[in-house]
PDB file of all heavy atoms in Angstrom:
ATOM      1  N   MET A   1     -20.857 -31.279 -37.113  1.00  0.00           N
ATOM      2  CA  MET A   1     -22.051 -31.282 -37.970  1.00  0.00           C
ATOM      3  C   MET A   1     -22.500 -29.859 -38.211  1.00  0.00           C
ATOM      4  O   MET A   1     -22.265 -28.957 -37.388  1.00  0.00           O
ATOM      5  CB  MET A   1     -23.153 -32.125 -37.324  1.00  0.00           C
ATOM      6  CG  MET A   1     -23.563 -31.707 -35.936  1.00  0.00           C
ATOM      7  SD  MET A   1     -24.768 -32.863 -35.197  1.00  0.00           S
ATOM      8  CE  MET A   1     -23.803 -34.367 -35.017  1.00  0.00           C
ATOM      9  N   ALA A   2     -23.154 -29.667 -39.355  1.00  0.00           N
ATOM     10  CA  ALA A   2     -23.638 -28.334 -39.716  1.00  0.00           C
ATOM     11  C   ALA A   2     -25.120 -28.170 -39.385  1.00  0.00           C
ATOM     12  O   ALA A   2     -25.504 -27.291 -38.631  1.00  0.00           O
ATOM     13  CB  ALA A   2     -23.388 -28.070 -41.200  1.00  0.00           C
ATOM     14  N   CYS A   3     -25.966 -29.045 -39.956  1.00  0.00           N
ATOM     15  CA  CYS A   3     -27.399 -28.833 -39.793  1.00  0.00           C
ATOM     16  C   CYS A   3     -27.992 -29.594 -38.609  1.00  0.00           C
ATOM     17  O   CYS A   3     -28.953 -29.159 -37.995  1.00  0.00           O
ATOM     18  CB  CYS A   3     -28.143 -29.197 -41.076  1.00  0.00           C
ATOM     19  SG  CYS A   3     -28.270 -30.976 -41.376  1.00  0.00           S
ATOM     20  N   ALA A   4     -27.466 -30.787 -38.315  1.00  0.00           N
ATOM     21  CA  ALA A   4     -27.926 -31.638 -37.202  1.00  0.00           C
ATOM     22  C   ALA A   4     -29.302 -32.244 -37.413  1.00  0.00           C
ATOM     23  O   ALA A   4     -29.855 -32.841 -36.495  1.00  0.00           O
ATOM     24  CB  ALA A   4     -27.875 -30.911 -35.866  1.00  0.00           C
ATOM     25  N   VAL A   5     -29.873 -32.113 -38.617  1.00  0.00           N
ATOM     26  CA  VAL A   5     -31.192 -32.670 -38.876  1.00  0.00           C
ATOM     27  C   VAL A   5     -31.182 -33.613 -40.078  1.00  0.00           C
ATOM     28  O   VAL A   5     -32.238 -33.952 -40.611  1.00  0.00           O
ATOM     29  CB  VAL A   5     -32.248 -31.563 -39.064  1.00  0.00           C
ATOM     30  CG1 VAL A   5     -32.460 -30.800 -37.763  1.00  0.00           C
ATOM     31  CG2 VAL A   5     -31.852 -30.607 -40.184  1.00  0.00           C
ATOM     32  N   GLY A   6     -29.997 -34.011 -40.524  1.00  0.00           N
ATOM     33  CA  GLY A   6     -29.897 -35.016 -41.573  1.00  0.00           C
ATOM     34  C   GLY A   6     -29.840 -34.496 -42.983  1.00  0.00           C
ATOM     35  O   GLY A   6     -29.757 -35.282 -43.921  1.00  0.00           O
ATOM     36  N   GLY A   7     -29.888 -33.188 -43.159  1.00  0.00           N
ATOM     37  CA  GLY A   7     -29.928 -32.647 -44.507  1.00  0.00           C
ATOM     38  C   GLY A   7     -28.584 -32.505 -45.193  1.00  0.00           C
ATOM     39  O   GLY A   7     -28.465 -32.694 -46.399  1.00  0.00           O
ATOM     40  N   CYS A   8     -27.539 -32.155 -44.417  1.00  0.00           N
ATOM     41  CA  CYS A   8     -26.262 -31.844 -45.051  1.00  0.00           C
ATOM     42  C   CYS A   8     -25.360 -33.060 -45.214  1.00  0.00           C
ATOM     43  O   CYS A   8     -24.426 -33.031 -45.998  1.00  0.00           O
ATOM     44  CB  CYS A   8     -25.524 -30.772 -44.244  1.00  0.00           C
ATOM     45  SG  CYS A   8     -24.895 -31.325 -42.648  1.00  0.00           S
ATOM     46  N   ALA A   9     -25.606 -34.112 -44.451  1.00  0.00           N
ATOM     47  CA  ALA A   9     -24.789 -35.343 -44.516  1.00  0.00           C
ATOM     48  C   ALA A   9     -23.323 -35.067 -44.192  1.00  0.00           C
ATOM     49  O   ALA A   9     -22.429 -35.798 -44.611  1.00  0.00           O
ATOM     50  CB  ALA A   9     -24.914 -36.019 -45.880  1.00  0.00           C
ATOM     51  N   GLY A  10     -23.065 -34.010 -43.406  1.00  0.00           N
ATOM     52  CA  GLY A  10     -21.693 -33.686 -43.039  1.00  0.00           C
ATOM     53  C   GLY A  10     -21.159 -34.506 -41.877  1.00  0.00           C
ATOM     54  O   GLY A  10     -19.963 -34.438 -41.592  1.00  0.00           O
ATOM     55  N   CYS A  11     -22.001 -35.277 -41.223  1.00  0.00           N
ATOM     56  CA  CYS A  11     -21.566 -36.030 -40.044  1.00  0.00           C
ATOM     57  C   CYS A  11     -21.646 -37.539 -40.288  1.00  0.00           C
ATOM     58  O   CYS A  11     -21.820 -38.316 -39.345  1.00  0.00           O
ATOM     59  CB  CYS A  11     -22.400 -35.656 -38.830  1.00  0.00           C
ATOM     60  SG  CYS A  11     -24.171 -35.998 -39.008  1.00  0.00           S
ATOM     61  N   THR A  12     -21.524 -37.963 -41.520  1.00  0.00           N
ATOM     62  CA  THR A  12     -21.670 -39.382 -41.827  1.00  0.00           C
ATOM     63  C   THR A  12     -20.462 -40.183 -41.350  1.00  0.00           C
ATOM     64  O   THR A  12     -19.327 -39.708 -41.346  1.00  0.00           O
ATOM     65  CB  THR A  12     -21.852 -39.613 -43.337  1.00  0.00           C
ATOM     66  OG1 THR A  12     -20.785 -38.982 -44.035  1.00  0.00           O
ATOM     67  CG2 THR A  12     -23.176 -39.055 -43.809  1.00  0.00           C
ATOM     68  N   VAL A  13     -20.740 -41.415 -40.933  1.00  0.00           N
ATOM     69  CA  VAL A  13     -19.697 -42.363 -40.540  1.00  0.00           C
ATOM     70  C   VAL A  13     -19.980 -43.697 -41.218  1.00  0.00           C
ATOM     71  O   VAL A  13     -21.128 -44.009 -41.545  1.00  0.00           O
ATOM     72  CB  VAL A  13     -19.635 -42.551 -39.012  1.00  0.00           C
ATOM     73  CG1 VAL A  13     -19.205 -41.284 -38.306  1.00  0.00           C
ATOM     74  CG2 VAL A  13     -20.988 -43.041 -38.477  1.00  0.00           C
ATOM     75  N   ARG A  14     -18.932 -44.475 -41.402  1.00  0.00           N
ATOM     76  CA  ARG A  14     -19.097 -45.798 -41.997  1.00  0.00           C
ATOM     77  C   ARG A  14     -19.475 -46.805 -40.911  1.00  0.00           C
ATOM     78  O   ARG A  14     -18.846 -46.861 -39.858  1.00  0.00           O
ATOM     79  CB  ARG A  14     -17.790 -46.230 -42.664  1.00  0.00           C
ATOM     80  CG  ARG A  14     -17.833 -47.636 -43.243  1.00  0.00           C
ATOM     81  CD  ARG A  14     -16.458 -48.011 -43.793  1.00  0.00           C
ATOM     82  NE  ARG A  14     -16.345 -49.433 -44.054  1.00  0.00           N
ATOM     83  CZ  ARG A  14     -16.085 -49.973 -45.247  1.00  0.00           C
ATOM     84  NH1 ARG A  14     -15.923 -49.179 -46.290  1.00  0.00           N
ATOM     85  NH2 ARG A  14     -15.979 -51.270 -45.390  1.00  0.00           N
ATOM     86  N   VAL A  15     -20.508 -47.571 -41.167  1.00  0.00           N
ATOM     87  CA  VAL A  15     -20.921 -48.635 -40.258  1.00  0.00           C
ATOM     88  C   VAL A  15     -21.120 -49.916 -41.060  1.00  0.00           C
ATOM     89  O   VAL A  15     -21.344 -49.884 -42.269  1.00  0.00           O
ATOM     90  CB  VAL A  15     -22.220 -48.266 -39.499  1.00  0.00           C
ATOM     91  CG1 VAL A  15     -22.045 -46.995 -38.682  1.00  0.00           C
ATOM     92  CG2 VAL A  15     -23.389 -48.110 -40.464  1.00  0.00           C
ATOM     93  N   GLU A  16     -21.025 -51.008 -40.348  1.00  0.00           N
ATOM     94  CA  GLU A  16     -21.242 -52.324 -40.975  1.00  0.00           C
ATOM     95  C   GLU A  16     -22.666 -52.774 -40.733  1.00  0.00           C
ATOM     96  O   GLU A  16     -23.057 -53.069 -39.613  1.00  0.00           O
ATOM     97  CB  GLU A  16     -20.255 -53.351 -40.395  1.00  0.00           C
ATOM     98  CG  GLU A  16     -18.802 -53.065 -40.688  1.00  0.00           C
ATOM     99  CD  GLU A  16     -18.480 -53.153 -42.173  1.00  0.00           C
ATOM    100  OE1 GLU A  16     -19.132 -53.968 -42.877  1.00  0.00           O
ATOM    101  OE2 GLU A  16     -17.610 -52.399 -42.632  1.00  0.00           O
ATOM    102  N   GLU A  17     -23.460 -52.787 -41.780  1.00  0.00           N
ATOM    103  CA  GLU A  17     -24.843 -53.268 -41.703  1.00  0.00           C
ATOM    104  C   GLU A  17     -24.881 -54.750 -42.105  1.00  0.00           C
ATOM    105  O   GLU A  17     -23.918 -55.262 -42.690  1.00  0.00           O
ATOM    106  CB  GLU A  17     -25.733 -52.447 -42.649  1.00  0.00           C
ATOM    107  CG  GLU A  17     -25.766 -50.958 -42.332  1.00  0.00           C
ATOM    108  CD  GLU A  17     -26.621 -50.631 -41.117  1.00  0.00           C
ATOM    109  OE1 GLU A  17     -27.142 -51.576 -40.492  1.00  0.00           O
ATOM    110  OE2 GLU A  17     -26.773 -49.443 -40.814  1.00  0.00           O
ATOM    111  N   PRO A  18     -25.981 -55.451 -41.804  1.00  0.00           N
ATOM    112  CA  PRO A  18     -26.087 -56.854 -42.227  1.00  0.00           C
ATOM    113  C   PRO A  18     -25.905 -57.042 -43.729  1.00  0.00           C
ATOM    114  O   PRO A  18     -25.452 -58.091 -44.195  1.00  0.00           O
ATOM    115  CB  PRO A  18     -27.509 -57.242 -41.783  1.00  0.00           C
ATOM    116  CG  PRO A  18     -27.794 -56.336 -40.629  1.00  0.00           C
ATOM    117  CD  PRO A  18     -27.108 -55.052 -40.954  1.00  0.00           C
ATOM    118  N   THR A  19     -26.243 -56.003 -44.494  1.00  0.00           N
ATOM    119  CA  THR A  19     -26.111 -56.088 -45.960  1.00  0.00           C
ATOM    120  C   THR A  19     -24.758 -55.605 -46.471  1.00  0.00           C
ATOM    121  O   THR A  19     -24.499 -55.639 -47.676  1.00  0.00           O
ATOM    122  CB  THR A  19     -27.222 -55.265 -46.624  1.00  0.00           C
ATOM    123  OG1 THR A  19     -27.173 -53.926 -46.132  1.00  0.00           O
ATOM    124  CG2 THR A  19     -28.591 -55.868 -46.330  1.00  0.00           C
ATOM    125  N   GLY A  20     -23.888 -55.129 -45.554  1.00  0.00           N
ATOM    126  CA  GLY A  20     -22.578 -54.633 -45.967  1.00  0.00           C
ATOM    127  C   GLY A  20     -22.325 -53.237 -45.451  1.00  0.00           C
ATOM    128  O   GLY A  20     -23.150 -52.649 -44.723  1.00  0.00           O
ATOM    129  N   PRO A  21     -21.168 -52.640 -45.801  1.00  0.00           N
ATOM    130  CA  PRO A  21     -20.830 -51.305 -45.321  1.00  0.00           C
ATOM    131  C   PRO A  21     -21.839 -50.266 -45.801  1.00  0.00           C
ATOM    132  O   PRO A  21     -22.374 -50.361 -46.911  1.00  0.00           O
ATOM    133  CB  PRO A  21     -19.439 -51.045 -45.938  1.00  0.00           C
ATOM    134  CG  PRO A  21     -18.912 -52.394 -46.289  1.00  0.00           C
ATOM    135  CD  PRO A  21     -20.101 -53.221 -46.651  1.00  0.00           C
ATOM    136  N   ALA A  22     -22.082 -49.279 -44.945  1.00  0.00           N
ATOM    137  CA  ALA A  22     -23.007 -48.192 -45.277  1.00  0.00           C
ATOM    138  C   ALA A  22     -22.564 -46.930 -44.579  1.00  0.00           C
ATOM    139  O   ALA A  22     -21.833 -46.974 -43.589  1.00  0.00           O
ATOM    140  CB  ALA A  22     -24.432 -48.563 -44.879  1.00  0.00           C
ATOM    141  N   MET A  23     -22.996 -45.799 -45.104  1.00  0.00           N
ATOM    142  CA  MET A  23     -22.723 -44.515 -44.475  1.00  0.00           C
ATOM    143  C   MET A  23     -23.980 -44.064 -43.737  1.00  0.00           C
ATOM    144  O   MET A  23     -25.071 -44.056 -44.302  1.00  0.00           O
ATOM    145  CB  MET A  23     -22.305 -43.478 -45.508  1.00  0.00           C
ATOM    146  CG  MET A  23     -21.060 -43.855 -46.306  1.00  0.00           C
ATOM    147  SD  MET A  23     -19.599 -44.149 -45.282  1.00  0.00           S
ATOM    148  CE  MET A  23     -19.294 -42.489 -44.635  1.00  0.00           C
ATOM    149  N   ARG A  24     -23.819 -43.710 -42.476  1.00  0.00           N
ATOM    150  CA  ARG A  24     -24.948 -43.279 -41.662  1.00  0.00           C
ATOM    151  C   ARG A  24     -24.650 -41.914 -41.034  1.00  0.00           C
ATOM    152  O   ARG A  24     -23.511 -41.587 -40.723  1.00  0.00           O
ATOM    153  CB  ARG A  24     -25.224 -44.309 -40.553  1.00  0.00           C
ATOM    154  CG  ARG A  24     -25.726 -45.651 -41.084  1.00  0.00           C
ATOM    155  CD  ARG A  24     -27.139 -45.529 -41.597  1.00  0.00           C
ATOM    156  NE  ARG A  24     -27.646 -46.784 -42.150  1.00  0.00           N
ATOM    157  CZ  ARG A  24     -27.805 -47.026 -43.445  1.00  0.00           C
ATOM    158  NH1 ARG A  24     -27.498 -46.089 -44.340  1.00  0.00           N
ATOM    159  NH2 ARG A  24     -28.287 -48.178 -43.866  1.00  0.00           N
ATOM    160  N   ARG A  25     -25.716 -41.139 -40.853  1.00  0.00           N
ATOM    161  CA  ARG A  25     -25.588 -39.789 -40.288  1.00  0.00           C
ATOM    162  C   ARG A  25     -25.634 -39.881 -38.760  1.00  0.00           C
ATOM    163  O   ARG A  25     -26.590 -40.423 -38.201  1.00  0.00           O
ATOM    164  CB  ARG A  25     -26.709 -38.900 -40.801  1.00  0.00           C
ATOM    165  CG  ARG A  25     -26.734 -38.722 -42.320  1.00  0.00           C
ATOM    166  CD  ARG A  25     -28.096 -38.240 -42.802  1.00  0.00           C
ATOM    167  NE  ARG A  25     -29.138 -39.224 -42.509  1.00  0.00           N
ATOM    168  CZ  ARG A  25     -30.433 -39.052 -42.763  1.00  0.00           C
ATOM    169  NH1 ARG A  25     -30.835 -37.932 -43.335  1.00  0.00           N
ATOM    170  NH2 ARG A  25     -31.317 -39.979 -42.467  1.00  0.00           N
ATOM    171  N   VAL A  26     -24.618 -39.319 -38.114  1.00  0.00           N
ATOM    172  CA  VAL A  26     -24.562 -39.358 -36.663  1.00  0.00           C
ATOM    173  C   VAL A  26     -25.727 -38.594 -36.046  1.00  0.00           C
ATOM    174  O   VAL A  26     -26.284 -38.996 -35.024  1.00  0.00           O
ATOM    175  CB  VAL A  26     -23.213 -38.804 -36.142  1.00  0.00           C
ATOM    176  CG1 VAL A  26     -23.243 -38.566 -34.643  1.00  0.00           C
ATOM    177  CG2 VAL A  26     -22.075 -39.758 -36.510  1.00  0.00           C
ATOM    178  N   CYS A  27     -26.161 -37.503 -36.687  1.00  0.00           N
ATOM    179  CA  CYS A  27     -27.186 -36.662 -36.070  1.00  0.00           C
ATOM    180  C   CYS A  27     -28.534 -37.345 -35.931  1.00  0.00           C
ATOM    181  O   CYS A  27     -29.150 -37.287 -34.858  1.00  0.00           O
ATOM    182  CB  CYS A  27     -27.318 -35.348 -36.829  1.00  0.00           C
ATOM    183  SG  CYS A  27     -27.820 -35.506 -38.547  1.00  0.00           S
ATOM    184  N   VAL A  28     -29.022 -37.985 -36.964  1.00  0.00           N
ATOM    185  CA  VAL A  28     -30.377 -38.539 -36.914  1.00  0.00           C
ATOM    186  C   VAL A  28     -30.425 -40.066 -36.971  1.00  0.00           C
ATOM    187  O   VAL A  28     -31.366 -40.682 -36.475  1.00  0.00           O
ATOM    188  CB  VAL A  28     -31.269 -37.952 -38.022  1.00  0.00           C
ATOM    189  CG1 VAL A  28     -31.542 -36.483 -37.758  1.00  0.00           C
ATOM    190  CG2 VAL A  28     -30.668 -38.141 -39.395  1.00  0.00           C
ATOM    191  N   ASP A  29     -29.416 -40.708 -37.601  1.00  0.00           N
ATOM    192  CA  ASP A  29     -29.357 -42.174 -37.557  1.00  0.00           C
ATOM    193  C   ASP A  29     -28.750 -42.619 -36.230  1.00  0.00           C
ATOM    194  O   ASP A  29     -28.955 -43.741 -35.784  1.00  0.00           O
ATOM    195  CB  ASP A  29     -28.519 -42.714 -38.712  1.00  0.00           C
ATOM    196  CG  ASP A  29     -29.123 -42.359 -40.065  1.00  0.00           C
ATOM    197  OD1 ASP A  29     -30.357 -42.403 -40.176  1.00  0.00           O
ATOM    198  OD2 ASP A  29     -28.354 -42.055 -40.994  1.00  0.00           O
ATOM    199  N   GLY A  30     -27.949 -41.749 -35.624  1.00  0.00           N
ATOM    200  CA  GLY A  30     -27.335 -41.951 -34.324  1.00  0.00           C
ATOM    201  C   GLY A  30     -27.840 -40.852 -33.398  1.00  0.00           C
ATOM    202  O   GLY A  30     -28.943 -40.370 -33.580  1.00  0.00           O
ATOM    203  N   PRO A  31     -27.021 -40.425 -32.424  1.00  0.00           N
ATOM    204  CA  PRO A  31     -25.607 -40.753 -32.290  1.00  0.00           C
ATOM    205  C   PRO A  31     -25.324 -42.129 -31.708  1.00  0.00           C
ATOM    206  O   PRO A  31     -24.192 -42.567 -31.675  1.00  0.00           O
ATOM    207  CB  PRO A  31     -25.100 -39.657 -31.343  1.00  0.00           C
ATOM    208  CG  PRO A  31     -26.284 -39.321 -30.491  1.00  0.00           C
ATOM    209  CD  PRO A  31     -27.463 -39.425 -31.403  1.00  0.00           C
ATOM    210  N   VAL A  32     -26.388 -42.839 -31.245  1.00  0.00           N
ATOM    211  CA  VAL A  32     -26.189 -44.146 -30.614  1.00  0.00           C
ATOM    212  C   VAL A  32     -26.252 -45.241 -31.668  1.00  0.00           C
ATOM    213  O   VAL A  32     -27.209 -45.319 -32.452  1.00  0.00           O
ATOM    214  CB  VAL A  32     -27.235 -44.382 -29.516  1.00  0.00           C
ATOM    215  CG1 VAL A  32     -27.099 -45.781 -28.929  1.00  0.00           C
ATOM    216  CG2 VAL A  32     -27.111 -43.327 -28.422  1.00  0.00           C
ATOM    217  N   PHE A  33     -25.215 -46.101 -31.671  1.00  0.00           N
ATOM    218  CA  PHE A  33     -25.146 -47.237 -32.599  1.00  0.00           C
ATOM    219  C   PHE A  33     -24.680 -48.481 -31.842  1.00  0.00           C
ATOM    220  O   PHE A  33     -23.954 -48.371 -30.848  1.00  0.00           O
ATOM    221  CB  PHE A  33     -24.115 -46.974 -33.704  1.00  0.00           C
ATOM    222  CG  PHE A  33     -24.458 -45.860 -34.647  1.00  0.00           C
ATOM    223  CD1 PHE A  33     -24.009 -44.560 -34.406  1.00  0.00           C
ATOM    224  CD2 PHE A  33     -25.207 -46.096 -35.795  1.00  0.00           C
ATOM    225  CE1 PHE A  33     -24.305 -43.531 -35.288  1.00  0.00           C
ATOM    226  CE2 PHE A  33     -25.510 -45.069 -36.671  1.00  0.00           C
ATOM    227  CZ  PHE A  33     -25.065 -43.781 -36.425  1.00  0.00           C
ATOM    228  N   PRO A  34     -25.054 -49.683 -32.317  1.00  0.00           N
ATOM    229  CA  PRO A  34     -24.445 -50.885 -31.760  1.00  0.00           C
ATOM    230  C   PRO A  34     -22.946 -50.866 -32.046  1.00  0.00           C
ATOM    231  O   PRO A  34     -22.520 -50.578 -33.169  1.00  0.00           O
ATOM    232  CB  PRO A  34     -25.148 -52.013 -32.540  1.00  0.00           C
ATOM    233  CG  PRO A  34     -26.369 -51.410 -33.109  1.00  0.00           C
ATOM    234  CD  PRO A  34     -26.048 -49.966 -33.368  1.00  0.00           C
TER     235      PRO A  34
END
């Protein structure tokens, strides 16, 4: 990751949400995920 505060979106990963696939930022949406 570059910024670690959600601005650059360089650490995004694909996750499966109830509404379908989505891209989430590891730095601020994670790093912990189900």
